[in-house]
């Protein structure tokens, strides 16, 4: 049984990568990296699911995008605080 990467009560690194790309939207990886204090290549690795992002990065993203950390990690609502 394949899980939906967009919403799951379990931590899905593929789902997190998907939501990181969704949050970035039309912003470049360079711009997002500057805002979060991360190099573009690191942002890219997180978004591709090549490297598991650390909790401090996920927290910074959730604050940057004004989304709940729970949504960012699991895909479950509420998306916004």
PDB file of N, CA and C in Angstrom:
ATOM      1  N   UNK A   1       0.842  -1.181   0.000  1.00  0.00           N
ATOM      2  CA  UNK A   1       0.000   0.000   0.000  1.00  0.00           C
ATOM      3  C   UNK A   1       0.883   1.238   0.000  1.00  0.00           C
ATOM      4  N   UNK A   2       0.749   2.057  -1.002  1.00  0.00           N
ATOM      5  CA  UNK A   2       1.554   3.271  -1.123  1.00  0.00           C
ATOM      6  C   UNK A   2       0.881   4.418  -0.386  1.00  0.00           C
ATOM      7  N   UNK A   3       1.674   5.181   0.398  1.00  0.00           N
ATOM      8  CA  UNK A   3       1.115   6.309   1.131  1.00  0.00           C
ATOM      9  C   UNK A   3       1.115   7.561   0.262  1.00  0.00           C
ATOM     10  N   UNK A   4       0.176   8.434   0.527  1.00  0.00           N
ATOM     11  CA  UNK A   4       0.091   9.704  -0.178  1.00  0.00           C
ATOM     12  C   UNK A   4       1.176  10.627   0.362  1.00  0.00           C
ATOM     13  N   UNK A   5       2.107  11.112  -0.456  1.00  0.00           N
ATOM     14  CA  UNK A   5       3.186  11.972   0.050  1.00  0.00           C
ATOM     15  C   UNK A   5       2.702  13.342   0.484  1.00  0.00           C
ATOM     16  N   UNK A   6       1.467  13.686   0.159  1.00  0.00           N
ATOM     17  CA  UNK A   6       0.961  15.013   0.507  1.00  0.00           C
ATOM     18  C   UNK A   6       0.342  15.047   1.891  1.00  0.00           C
ATOM     19  N   UNK A   7      -0.130  13.918   2.405  1.00  0.00           N
ATOM     20  CA  UNK A   7      -0.748  13.900   3.731  1.00  0.00           C
ATOM     21  C   UNK A   7      -0.629  12.510   4.340  1.00  0.00           C
ATOM     22  N   UNK A   8       0.019  12.412   5.463  1.00  0.00           N
ATOM     23  CA  UNK A   8       0.164  11.154   6.164  1.00  0.00           C
ATOM     24  C   UNK A   8       0.498  11.436   7.609  1.00  0.00           C
ATOM     25  N   UNK A   9      -0.077  10.658   8.522  1.00  0.00           N
ATOM     26  CA  UNK A   9       0.215  10.868   9.937  1.00  0.00           C
ATOM     27  C   UNK A   9       1.633  10.401  10.266  1.00  0.00           C
ATOM     28  N   UNK A  10       2.225   9.622   9.415  1.00  0.00           N
ATOM     29  CA  UNK A  10       3.613   9.209   9.585  1.00  0.00           C
ATOM     30  C   UNK A  10       4.525  10.193   8.877  1.00  0.00           C
ATOM     31  N   UNK A  11       5.739  10.268   9.346  1.00  0.00           N
ATOM     32  CA  UNK A  11       6.711  11.148   8.694  1.00  0.00           C
ATOM     33  C   UNK A  11       7.132  10.506   7.376  1.00  0.00           C
ATOM     34  N   UNK A  12       6.916  11.242   6.312  1.00  0.00           N
ATOM     35  CA  UNK A  12       7.305  10.802   4.983  1.00  0.00           C
ATOM     36  C   UNK A  12       8.293  11.832   4.442  1.00  0.00           C
ATOM     37  N   UNK A  13       9.523  11.409   4.242  1.00  0.00           N
ATOM     38  CA  UNK A  13      10.538  12.348   3.746  1.00  0.00           C
ATOM     39  C   UNK A  13      10.198  12.810   2.343  1.00  0.00           C
ATOM     40  N   UNK A  14       9.566  11.938   1.570  1.00  0.00           N
ATOM     41  CA  UNK A  14       9.110  12.323   0.235  1.00  0.00           C
ATOM     42  C   UNK A  14       8.033  13.402   0.347  1.00  0.00           C
ATOM     43  N   UNK A  15       7.142  13.254   1.321  1.00  0.00           N
ATOM     44  CA  UNK A  15       6.091  14.246   1.548  1.00  0.00           C
ATOM     45  C   UNK A  15       6.655  15.576   2.002  1.00  0.00           C
ATOM     46  N   UNK A  16       7.646  15.529   2.881  1.00  0.00           N
ATOM     47  CA  UNK A  16       8.287  16.768   3.338  1.00  0.00           C
ATOM     48  C   UNK A  16       8.942  17.470   2.162  1.00  0.00           C
ATOM     49  N   UNK A  17       9.651  16.721   1.330  1.00  0.00           N
ATOM     50  CA  UNK A  17      10.303  17.312   0.155  1.00  0.00           C
ATOM     51  C   UNK A  17       9.263  17.968  -0.757  1.00  0.00           C
ATOM     52  N   UNK A  18       8.132  17.297  -0.952  1.00  0.00           N
ATOM     53  CA  UNK A  18       7.054  17.848  -1.781  1.00  0.00           C
ATOM     54  C   UNK A  18       6.562  19.174  -1.201  1.00  0.00           C
ATOM     55  N   UNK A  19       6.325  19.198   0.113  1.00  0.00           N
ATOM     56  CA  UNK A  19       5.812  20.420   0.740  1.00  0.00           C
ATOM     57  C   UNK A  19       6.847  21.531   0.749  1.00  0.00           C
ATOM     58  N   UNK A  20       8.122  21.192   0.845  1.00  0.00           N
ATOM     59  CA  UNK A  20       9.173  22.215   0.749  1.00  0.00           C
ATOM     60  C   UNK A  20       9.143  22.872  -0.627  1.00  0.00           C
ATOM     61  N   UNK A  21       8.971  22.067  -1.670  1.00  0.00           N
ATOM     62  CA  UNK A  21       8.876  22.627  -3.032  1.00  0.00           C
ATOM     63  C   UNK A  21       7.617  23.472  -3.173  1.00  0.00           C
ATOM     64  N   UNK A  22       6.516  23.006  -2.579  1.00  0.00           N
ATOM     65  CA  UNK A  22       5.256  23.753  -2.633  1.00  0.00           C
ATOM     66  C   UNK A  22       5.408  25.116  -1.961  1.00  0.00           C
ATOM     67  N   UNK A  23       6.051  25.144  -0.818  1.00  0.00           N
ATOM     68  CA  UNK A  23       6.258  26.404  -0.092  1.00  0.00           C
ATOM     69  C   UNK A  23       7.106  27.362  -0.915  1.00  0.00           C
ATOM     70  N   UNK A  24       8.164  26.851  -1.525  1.00  0.00           N
ATOM     71  CA  UNK A  24       9.063  27.719  -2.292  1.00  0.00           C
ATOM     72  C   UNK A  24       8.344  28.352  -3.470  1.00  0.00           C
ATOM     73  N   UNK A  25       7.461  27.591  -4.106  1.00  0.00           N
ATOM     74  CA  UNK A  25       6.692  28.128  -5.228  1.00  0.00           C
ATOM     75  C   UNK A  25       7.577  28.700  -6.313  1.00  0.00           C
ATOM     76  N   UNK A  26       7.368  29.967  -6.658  1.00  0.00           N
ATOM     77  CA  UNK A  26       8.124  30.621  -7.724  1.00  0.00           C
ATOM     78  C   UNK A  26       9.405  31.290  -7.242  1.00  0.00           C
ATOM     79  N   UNK A  27       9.644  31.228  -5.950  1.00  0.00           N
ATOM     80  CA  UNK A  27      10.877  31.784  -5.393  1.00  0.00           C
ATOM     81  C   UNK A  27      12.032  30.866  -5.783  1.00  0.00           C
ATOM     82  N   UNK A  28      13.167  31.424  -6.140  1.00  0.00           N
ATOM     83  CA  UNK A  28      14.307  30.581  -6.499  1.00  0.00           C
ATOM     84  C   UNK A  28      14.896  29.930  -5.255  1.00  0.00           C
ATOM     85  N   UNK A  29      15.598  28.834  -5.460  1.00  0.00           N
ATOM     86  CA  UNK A  29      16.286  28.172  -4.354  1.00  0.00           C
ATOM     87  C   UNK A  29      17.340  29.089  -3.743  1.00  0.00           C
ATOM     88  N   UNK A  30      17.948  29.914  -4.549  1.00  0.00           N
ATOM     89  CA  UNK A  30      18.949  30.862  -4.056  1.00  0.00           C
ATOM     90  C   UNK A  30      18.288  31.863  -3.115  1.00  0.00           C
ATOM     91  N   UNK A  31      17.158  32.432  -3.544  1.00  0.00           N
ATOM     92  CA  UNK A  31      16.450  33.419  -2.712  1.00  0.00           C
ATOM     93  C   UNK A  31      15.969  32.798  -1.408  1.00  0.00           C
ATOM     94  N   UNK A  32      15.393  31.612  -1.494  1.00  0.00           N
ATOM     95  CA  UNK A  32      14.923  30.945  -0.282  1.00  0.00           C
ATOM     96  C   UNK A  32      16.091  30.631   0.639  1.00  0.00           C
ATOM     97  N   UNK A  33      17.170  30.146   0.062  1.00  0.00           N
ATOM     98  CA  UNK A  33      18.356  29.849   0.855  1.00  0.00           C
ATOM     99  C   UNK A  33      18.880  31.074   1.583  1.00  0.00           C
ATOM    100  N   UNK A  34      18.895  32.202   0.905  1.00  0.00           N
ATOM    101  CA  UNK A  34      19.341  33.448   1.553  1.00  0.00           C
ATOM    102  C   UNK A  34      18.435  33.796   2.734  1.00  0.00           C
ATOM    103  N   UNK A  35      17.125  33.660   2.543  1.00  0.00           N
ATOM    104  CA  UNK A  35      16.174  33.989   3.598  1.00  0.00           C
ATOM    105  C   UNK A  35      16.310  33.054   4.799  1.00  0.00           C
ATOM    106  N   UNK A  36      16.727  31.819   4.540  1.00  0.00           N
ATOM    107  CA  UNK A  36      16.818  30.824   5.607  1.00  0.00           C
ATOM    108  C   UNK A  36      18.240  30.572   6.086  1.00  0.00           C
ATOM    109  N   UNK A  37      19.206  31.193   5.427  1.00  0.00           N
ATOM    110  CA  UNK A  37      20.602  30.995   5.823  1.00  0.00           C
ATOM    111  C   UNK A  37      21.161  29.651   5.383  1.00  0.00           C
ATOM    112  N   UNK A  38      20.732  29.180   4.214  1.00  0.00           N
ATOM    113  CA  UNK A  38      21.205  27.894   3.689  1.00  0.00           C
ATOM    114  C   UNK A  38      21.655  28.072   2.247  1.00  0.00           C
ATOM    115  N   UNK A  39      22.732  27.424   1.849  1.00  0.00           N
ATOM    116  CA  UNK A  39      23.170  27.512   0.455  1.00  0.00           C
ATOM    117  C   UNK A  39      22.159  26.844  -0.491  1.00  0.00           C
ATOM    118  N   UNK A  40      22.143  27.287  -1.727  1.00  0.00           N
ATOM    119  CA  UNK A  40      21.208  26.764  -2.732  1.00  0.00           C
ATOM    120  C   UNK A  40      21.321  25.257  -2.872  1.00  0.00           C
ATOM    121  N   UNK A  41      22.526  24.719  -2.856  1.00  0.00           N
ATOM    122  CA  UNK A  41      22.684  23.273  -3.055  1.00  0.00           C
ATOM    123  C   UNK A  41      22.060  22.476  -1.908  1.00  0.00           C
ATOM    124  N   UNK A  42      22.046  23.035  -0.713  1.00  0.00           N
ATOM    125  CA  UNK A  42      21.415  22.371   0.432  1.00  0.00           C
ATOM    126  C   UNK A  42      19.899  22.406   0.277  1.00  0.00           C
ATOM    127  N   UNK A  43      19.359  23.568  -0.114  1.00  0.00           N
ATOM    128  CA  UNK A  43      17.920  23.695  -0.365  1.00  0.00           C
ATOM    129  C   UNK A  43      17.503  22.670  -1.412  1.00  0.00           C
ATOM    130  N   UNK A  44      18.274  22.532  -2.465  1.00  0.00           N
ATOM    131  CA  UNK A  44      17.977  21.585  -3.531  1.00  0.00           C
ATOM    132  C   UNK A  44      17.959  20.146  -3.012  1.00  0.00           C
ATOM    133  N   UNK A  45      18.928  19.790  -2.209  1.00  0.00           N
ATOM    134  CA  UNK A  45      18.987  18.418  -1.667  1.00  0.00           C
ATOM    135  C   UNK A  45      17.782  18.110  -0.792  1.00  0.00           C
ATOM    136  N   UNK A  46      17.363  19.073   0.016  1.00  0.00           N
ATOM    137  CA  UNK A  46      16.182  18.883   0.860  1.00  0.00           C
ATOM    138  C   UNK A  46      14.931  18.720   0.007  1.00  0.00           C
ATOM    139  N   UNK A  47      14.807  19.550  -1.025  1.00  0.00           N
ATOM    140  CA  UNK A  47      13.618  19.504  -1.879  1.00  0.00           C
ATOM    141  C   UNK A  47      13.549  18.239  -2.725  1.00  0.00           C
ATOM    142  N   UNK A  48      14.678  17.662  -3.043  1.00  0.00           N
ATOM    143  CA  UNK A  48      14.694  16.424  -3.823  1.00  0.00           C
ATOM    144  C   UNK A  48      14.617  15.193  -2.930  1.00  0.00           C
ATOM    145  N   UNK A  49      14.676  15.410  -1.619  1.00  0.00           N
ATOM    146  CA  UNK A  49      14.632  14.289  -0.691  1.00  0.00           C
ATOM    147  C   UNK A  49      15.938  13.523  -0.613  1.00  0.00           C
ATOM    148  N   UNK A  50      17.015  14.146  -1.105  1.00  0.00           N
ATOM    149  CA  UNK A  50      18.336  13.501  -1.090  1.00  0.00           C
ATOM    150  C   UNK A  50      18.937  13.491   0.308  1.00  0.00           C
ATOM    151  N   UNK A  51      18.590  14.512   1.083  1.00  0.00           N
ATOM    152  CA  UNK A  51      19.080  14.656   2.455  1.00  0.00           C
ATOM    153  C   UNK A  51      17.882  15.001   3.324  1.00  0.00           C
ATOM    154  N   UNK A  52      17.806  14.401   4.495  1.00  0.00           N
ATOM    155  CA  UNK A  52      16.722  14.711   5.423  1.00  0.00           C
ATOM    156  C   UNK A  52      17.026  16.051   6.098  1.00  0.00           C
ATOM    157  N   UNK A  53      16.123  17.019   5.969  1.00  0.00           N
ATOM    158  CA  UNK A  53      16.383  18.329   6.567  1.00  0.00           C
ATOM    159  C   UNK A  53      16.325  18.251   8.094  1.00  0.00           C
ATOM    160  N   UNK A  54      17.229  18.952   8.766  1.00  0.00           N
ATOM    161  CA  UNK A  54      17.202  18.956  10.228  1.00  0.00           C
ATOM    162  C   UNK A  54      16.025  19.763  10.751  1.00  0.00           C
ATOM    163  N   UNK A  55      15.671  19.505  11.987  1.00  0.00           N
ATOM    164  CA  UNK A  55      14.520  20.151  12.598  1.00  0.00           C
ATOM    165  C   UNK A  55      14.644  21.674  12.591  1.00  0.00           C
ATOM    166  N   UNK A  56      15.843  22.216  12.822  1.00  0.00           N
ATOM    167  CA  UNK A  56      15.983  23.678  12.837  1.00  0.00           C
ATOM    168  C   UNK A  56      15.686  24.278  11.462  1.00  0.00           C
ATOM    169  N   UNK A  57      16.001  23.574  10.391  1.00  0.00           N
ATOM    170  CA  UNK A  57      15.671  24.044   9.049  1.00  0.00           C
ATOM    171  C   UNK A  57      14.161  24.007   8.834  1.00  0.00           C
ATOM    172  N   UNK A  58      13.529  22.902   9.233  1.00  0.00           N
ATOM    173  CA  UNK A  58      12.079  22.786   9.082  1.00  0.00           C
ATOM    174  C   UNK A  58      11.357  23.864   9.882  1.00  0.00           C
ATOM    175  N   UNK A  59      11.847  24.157  11.065  1.00  0.00           N
ATOM    176  CA  UNK A  59      11.254  25.210  11.883  1.00  0.00           C
ATOM    177  C   UNK A  59      11.408  26.568  11.196  1.00  0.00           C
ATOM    178  N   UNK A  60      12.577  26.826  10.635  1.00  0.00           N
ATOM    179  CA  UNK A  60      12.807  28.087   9.920  1.00  0.00           C
ATOM    180  C   UNK A  60      11.874  28.203   8.717  1.00  0.00           C
ATOM    181  N   UNK A  61      11.677  27.115   7.995  1.00  0.00           N
ATOM    182  CA  UNK A  61      10.771  27.123   6.843  1.00  0.00           C
ATOM    183  C   UNK A  61       9.349  27.381   7.298  1.00  0.00           C
ATOM    184  N   UNK A  62       8.929  26.729   8.381  1.00  0.00           N
ATOM    185  CA  UNK A  62       7.550  26.915   8.840  1.00  0.00           C
ATOM    186  C   UNK A  62       7.301  28.360   9.265  1.00  0.00           C
ATOM    187  N   UNK A  63       8.290  28.983   9.879  1.00  0.00           N
ATOM    188  CA  UNK A  63       8.151  30.388  10.265  1.00  0.00           C
ATOM    189  C   UNK A  63       8.176  31.298   9.036  1.00  0.00           C
ATOM    190  N   UNK A  64       9.063  31.005   8.104  1.00  0.00           N
ATOM    191  CA  UNK A  64       9.173  31.794   6.872  1.00  0.00           C
ATOM    192  C   UNK A  64       7.851  31.784   6.099  1.00  0.00           C
ATOM    193  N   UNK A  65       7.239  30.603   5.997  1.00  0.00           N
ATOM    194  CA  UNK A  65       6.033  30.445   5.182  1.00  0.00           C
ATOM    195  C   UNK A  65       4.739  30.586   5.993  1.00  0.00           C
ATOM    196  N   UNK A  66       4.864  30.778   7.285  1.00  0.00           N
ATOM    197  CA  UNK A  66       3.714  30.877   8.182  1.00  0.00           C
ATOM    198  C   UNK A  66       2.805  29.658   8.046  1.00  0.00           C
ATOM    199  N   UNK A  67       3.426  28.486   8.116  1.00  0.00           N
ATOM    200  CA  UNK A  67       2.691  27.219   8.121  1.00  0.00           C
ATOM    201  C   UNK A  67       3.044  26.486   9.408  1.00  0.00           C
ATOM    202  N   UNK A  68       2.150  25.585   9.827  1.00  0.00           N
ATOM    203  CA  UNK A  68       2.439  24.837  11.043  1.00  0.00           C
ATOM    204  C   UNK A  68       3.533  23.805  10.775  1.00  0.00           C
ATOM    205  N   UNK A  69       4.318  23.558  11.780  1.00  0.00           N
ATOM    206  CA  UNK A  69       5.365  22.544  11.676  1.00  0.00           C
ATOM    207  C   UNK A  69       4.722  21.175  11.479  1.00  0.00           C
ATOM    208  N   UNK A  70       3.578  20.951  12.122  1.00  0.00           N
ATOM    209  CA  UNK A  70       2.858  19.687  11.961  1.00  0.00           C
ATOM    210  C   UNK A  70       2.486  19.468  10.502  1.00  0.00           C
ATOM    211  N   UNK A  71       1.955  20.507   9.845  1.00  0.00           N
ATOM    212  CA  UNK A  71       1.600  20.363   8.428  1.00  0.00           C
ATOM    213  C   UNK A  71       2.841  20.103   7.585  1.00  0.00           C
ATOM    214  N   UNK A  72       3.912  20.828   7.852  1.00  0.00           N
ATOM    215  CA  UNK A  72       5.132  20.665   7.069  1.00  0.00           C
ATOM    216  C   UNK A  72       5.670  19.238   7.184  1.00  0.00           C
ATOM    217  N   UNK A  73       5.581  18.671   8.368  1.00  0.00           N
ATOM    218  CA  UNK A  73       6.125  17.326   8.582  1.00  0.00           C
ATOM    219  C   UNK A  73       5.167  16.227   8.134  1.00  0.00           C
ATOM    220  N   UNK A  74       3.868  16.391   8.420  1.00  0.00           N
ATOM    221  CA  UNK A  74       2.919  15.306   8.141  1.00  0.00           C
ATOM    222  C   UNK A  74       1.977  15.570   6.980  1.00  0.00           C
ATOM    223  N   UNK A  75       1.768  16.834   6.637  1.00  0.00           N
ATOM    224  CA  UNK A  75       0.807  17.175   5.599  1.00  0.00           C
ATOM    225  C   UNK A  75      -0.612  17.285   6.121  1.00  0.00           C
ATOM    226  N   UNK A  76      -0.784  17.089   7.415  1.00  0.00           N
ATOM    227  CA  UNK A  76      -2.114  17.158   8.008  1.00  0.00           C
ATOM    228  C   UNK A  76      -2.459  18.587   8.401  1.00  0.00           C
ATOM    229  N   UNK A  77      -3.742  18.894   8.347  1.00  0.00           N
ATOM    230  CA  UNK A  77      -4.213  20.235   8.680  1.00  0.00           C
ATOM    231  C   UNK A  77      -4.190  20.424  10.187  1.00  0.00           C
ATOM    232  N   UNK A  78      -4.121  21.644  10.652  1.00  0.00           N
ATOM    233  CA  UNK A  78      -4.214  22.878   9.892  1.00  0.00           C
ATOM    234  C   UNK A  78      -2.876  23.265   9.269  1.00  0.00           C
ATOM    235  N   UNK A  79      -2.955  23.823   8.092  1.00  0.00           N
ATOM    236  CA  UNK A  79      -1.743  24.267   7.388  1.00  0.00           C
ATOM    237  C   UNK A  79      -1.203  25.557   8.006  1.00  0.00           C
ATOM    238  N   UNK A  80      -2.113  26.461   8.360  1.00  0.00           N
ATOM    239  CA  UNK A  80      -1.688  27.763   8.906  1.00  0.00           C
ATOM    240  C   UNK A  80      -2.041  27.837  10.378  1.00  0.00           C
ATOM    241  N   UNK A  81      -1.176  28.508  11.159  1.00  0.00           N
ATOM    242  CA  UNK A  81      -1.437  28.626  12.601  1.00  0.00           C
ATOM    243  C   UNK A  81      -2.703  29.388  12.906  1.00  0.00           C
TER     244      UNK A  81
END
